[in-house]
Amino acid sequence: MPALDADGNDRGGVALPDLAVPLGTQTGWNIHAGEGLAGELCDREGSVFPFAATRAARAASGDPRPSLEERYGGERRPEAAVRAAVEALVRDRLLLPADGEAFITAAVRR
């Protein structure tokens, strides 16, 4: 199992913008919900466990991870933070510029 950061996301490797500026915890696994498969890992699907929208919602649910409000203020995920993550990856030659623009476009749409 990989080491996890404070949000439960995998540490190490290349942190693409969706992990560098996250909206939730992302896993490379999922739990089967089919009859007789409860608790079995599914190796081709991932899960996303979204962060609470506000500090109050986080506190009400007992989620220890900071909410979107606490992380990013009033914005769901600031374009500037995604753009900075993309620029660093492009500068380090870990992401093509066109792919970086696609990440930015997707982040703005969400």
C-alpha atoms as a PDB file:
ATOM      1  CA  MET A   1       0.000   0.000   0.000  1.00  0.00           C
ATOM      2  CA  PRO A   2       1.317   3.461  -0.800  1.00  0.00           C
ATOM      3  CA  ALA A   3       1.932   6.043   1.905  1.00  0.00           C
ATOM      4  CA  LEU A   4      -0.930   8.528   2.263  1.00  0.00           C
ATOM      5  CA  ASP A   5      -1.001  12.273   2.862  1.00  0.00           C
ATOM      6  CA  ALA A   6      -3.249  14.000   5.418  1.00  0.00           C
ATOM      7  CA  ASP A   7      -6.174  13.869   2.949  1.00  0.00           C
ATOM      8  CA  GLY A   8      -5.804  10.138   2.307  1.00  0.00           C
ATOM      9  CA  ASN A   9      -4.351  10.638  -1.182  1.00  0.00           C
ATOM     10  CA  ASP A  10      -1.321   8.634  -2.307  1.00  0.00           C
ATOM     11  CA  ARG A  11       2.023  10.326  -1.696  1.00  0.00           C
ATOM     12  CA  GLY A  12       4.919  10.089  -4.074  1.00  0.00           C
ATOM     13  CA  GLY A  13       5.028  10.033  -7.825  1.00  0.00           C
ATOM     14  CA  VAL A  14       3.798  12.855 -10.026  1.00  0.00           C
ATOM     15  CA  ALA A  15       0.980  14.844  -8.422  1.00  0.00           C
ATOM     16  CA  LEU A  16      -1.263  15.823 -11.312  1.00  0.00           C
ATOM     17  CA  PRO A  17      -3.441  18.913 -10.757  1.00  0.00           C
ATOM     18  CA  ASP A  18      -6.382  16.880  -9.441  1.00  0.00           C
ATOM     19  CA  LEU A  19      -4.141  15.698  -6.578  1.00  0.00           C
ATOM     20  CA  ALA A  20      -2.140  18.903  -6.178  1.00  0.00           C
ATOM     21  CA  VAL A  21      -5.357  20.943  -5.794  1.00  0.00           C
ATOM     22  CA  PRO A  22      -7.832  18.273  -4.641  1.00  0.00           C
ATOM     23  CA  LEU A  23     -11.608  18.298  -4.278  1.00  0.00           C
ATOM     24  CA  GLY A  24     -11.553  15.088  -2.240  1.00  0.00           C
ATOM     25  CA  THR A  25      -9.671  11.914  -1.449  1.00  0.00           C
ATOM     26  CA  GLN A  26      -9.024   9.779  -4.525  1.00  0.00           C
ATOM     27  CA  THR A  27      -8.223   6.086  -4.383  1.00  0.00           C
ATOM     28  CA  GLY A  28      -7.074   3.650  -7.022  1.00  0.00           C
ATOM     29  CA  TRP A  29      -9.485   1.047  -5.654  1.00  0.00           C
ATOM     30  CA  ASN A  30     -13.160   0.625  -4.947  1.00  0.00           C
ATOM     31  CA  ILE A  31     -15.323  -1.792  -2.984  1.00  0.00           C
ATOM     32  CA  HIS A  32     -17.695  -4.121  -4.862  1.00  0.00           C
ATOM     33  CA  ALA A  33     -21.329  -3.668  -3.905  1.00  0.00           C
ATOM     34  CA  GLY A  34     -22.675  -6.756  -5.710  1.00  0.00           C
ATOM     35  CA  GLU A  35     -24.249  -9.653  -3.868  1.00  0.00           C
ATOM     36  CA  GLY A  36     -21.594 -11.966  -2.449  1.00  0.00           C
ATOM     37  CA  LEU A  37     -18.832  -9.445  -3.199  1.00  0.00           C
ATOM     38  CA  ALA A  38     -19.213  -7.134  -0.206  1.00  0.00           C
ATOM     39  CA  GLY A  39     -15.806  -5.972   0.981  1.00  0.00           C
ATOM     40  CA  GLU A  40     -13.943  -7.315  -2.055  1.00  0.00           C
ATOM     41  CA  LEU A  41     -11.594  -4.898  -3.774  1.00  0.00           C
ATOM     42  CA  CYS A  42     -12.263  -3.948  -7.368  1.00  0.00           C
ATOM     43  CA  ASP A  43      -8.931  -3.370  -9.097  1.00  0.00           C
ATOM     44  CA  ARG A  44     -10.025  -1.401 -12.170  1.00  0.00           C
ATOM     45  CA  GLU A  45     -12.145   1.312 -10.620  1.00  0.00           C
ATOM     46  CA  GLY A  46     -11.307   4.150  -8.296  1.00  0.00           C
ATOM     47  CA  SER A  47     -13.255   6.113  -5.731  1.00  0.00           C
ATOM     48  CA  VAL A  48     -13.521   9.770  -4.843  1.00  0.00           C
ATOM     49  CA  PHE A  49     -14.569  10.823  -1.363  1.00  0.00           C
ATOM     50  CA  PRO A  50     -15.403  14.546  -1.711  1.00  0.00           C
ATOM     51  CA  PHE A  51     -14.420  17.103   0.892  1.00  0.00           C
ATOM     52  CA  ALA A  52     -17.280  18.790   2.729  1.00  0.00           C
ATOM     53  CA  ALA A  53     -18.280  22.106   1.178  1.00  0.00           C
ATOM     54  CA  THR A  54     -18.133  24.117   4.403  1.00  0.00           C
ATOM     55  CA  ARG A  55     -16.479  24.000   7.789  1.00  0.00           C
ATOM     56  CA  ALA A  56     -19.902  23.525   9.423  1.00  0.00           C
ATOM     57  CA  ALA A  57     -20.726  20.547   7.186  1.00  0.00           C
ATOM     58  CA  ARG A  58     -17.316  19.025   7.919  1.00  0.00           C
ATOM     59  CA  ALA A  59     -17.807  19.419  11.662  1.00  0.00           C
ATOM     60  CA  ALA A  60     -21.331  17.954  11.496  1.00  0.00           C
ATOM     61  CA  SER A  61     -20.089  14.858   9.670  1.00  0.00           C
ATOM     62  CA  GLY A  62     -16.951  14.443  11.804  1.00  0.00           C
ATOM     63  CA  ASP A  63     -14.699  14.566   8.723  1.00  0.00           C
ATOM     64  CA  PRO A  64     -11.128  15.388   9.852  1.00  0.00           C
ATOM     65  CA  ARG A  65     -10.143  16.701   6.396  1.00  0.00           C
ATOM     66  CA  PRO A  66     -10.420  20.477   5.833  1.00  0.00           C
ATOM     67  CA  SER A  67     -13.484  21.525   3.839  1.00  0.00           C
ATOM     68  CA  LEU A  68     -13.393  23.207   0.435  1.00  0.00           C
ATOM     69  CA  GLU A  69     -14.255  26.466   2.174  1.00  0.00           C
ATOM     70  CA  GLU A  70     -11.303  26.093   4.553  1.00  0.00           C
ATOM     71  CA  ARG A  71      -8.918  25.135   1.751  1.00  0.00           C
ATOM     72  CA  TYR A  72      -9.903  27.541  -0.971  1.00  0.00           C
ATOM     73  CA  GLY A  73     -12.087  30.223   0.606  1.00  0.00           C
ATOM     74  CA  GLY A  74     -15.275  30.865  -1.293  1.00  0.00           C
ATOM     75  CA  GLU A  75     -14.086  29.149  -4.459  1.00  0.00           C
ATOM     76  CA  ARG A  76     -14.559  25.457  -5.120  1.00  0.00           C
ATOM     77  CA  ARG A  77     -11.051  25.104  -6.520  1.00  0.00           C
ATOM     78  CA  PRO A  78      -9.258  28.271  -7.519  1.00  0.00           C
ATOM     79  CA  GLU A  79      -8.123  28.416 -11.116  1.00  0.00           C
ATOM     80  CA  ALA A  80      -4.893  30.110 -10.005  1.00  0.00           C
ATOM     81  CA  ALA A  81      -3.882  27.104  -7.886  1.00  0.00           C
ATOM     82  CA  VAL A  82      -4.595  24.668 -10.723  1.00  0.00           C
ATOM     83  CA  ARG A  83      -2.710  26.892 -13.160  1.00  0.00           C
ATOM     84  CA  ALA A  84       0.305  27.007 -10.805  1.00  0.00           C
ATOM     85  CA  ALA A  85       0.298  23.200 -10.474  1.00  0.00           C
ATOM     86  CA  VAL A  86       0.110  22.846 -14.272  1.00  0.00           C
ATOM     87  CA  GLU A  87       2.899  25.378 -14.851  1.00  0.00           C
ATOM     88  CA  ALA A  88       5.192  23.527 -12.421  1.00  0.00           C
ATOM     89  CA  LEU A  89       4.531  20.192 -14.149  1.00  0.00           C
ATOM     90  CA  VAL A  90       5.091  21.693 -17.617  1.00  0.00           C
ATOM     91  CA  ARG A  91       8.277  23.427 -16.425  1.00  0.00           C
ATOM     92  CA  ASP A  92       9.574  20.120 -15.025  1.00  0.00           C
ATOM     93  CA  ARG A  93       8.681  18.410 -18.321  1.00  0.00           C
ATOM     94  CA  LEU A  94       6.208  16.071 -16.612  1.00  0.00           C
ATOM     95  CA  LEU A  95       3.163  17.357 -18.506  1.00  0.00           C
ATOM     96  CA  LEU A  96       2.686  18.559 -22.057  1.00  0.00           C
ATOM     97  CA  PRO A  97       1.417  22.147 -22.362  1.00  0.00           C
ATOM     98  CA  ALA A  98      -1.710  21.030 -24.264  1.00  0.00           C
ATOM     99  CA  ASP A  99      -2.537  18.499 -21.535  1.00  0.00           C
ATOM    100  CA  GLY A 100      -2.004  21.204 -18.928  1.00  0.00           C
ATOM    101  CA  GLU A 101      -4.510  23.448 -20.670  1.00  0.00           C
ATOM    102  CA  ALA A 102      -6.993  20.564 -20.664  1.00  0.00           C
ATOM    103  CA  PHE A 103      -6.572  20.251 -16.868  1.00  0.00           C
ATOM    104  CA  ILE A 104      -7.175  23.992 -16.465  1.00  0.00           C
ATOM    105  CA  THR A 105     -10.242  23.932 -18.706  1.00  0.00           C
ATOM    106  CA  ALA A 106     -11.693  20.974 -16.782  1.00  0.00           C
ATOM    107  CA  ALA A 107     -11.016  22.640 -13.424  1.00  0.00           C
ATOM    108  CA  VAL A 108     -12.766  25.833 -14.507  1.00  0.00           C
ATOM    109  CA  ARG A 109     -15.792  23.866 -15.765  1.00  0.00           C
ATOM    110  CA  ARG A 110     -16.137  22.040 -12.445  1.00  0.00           C
END
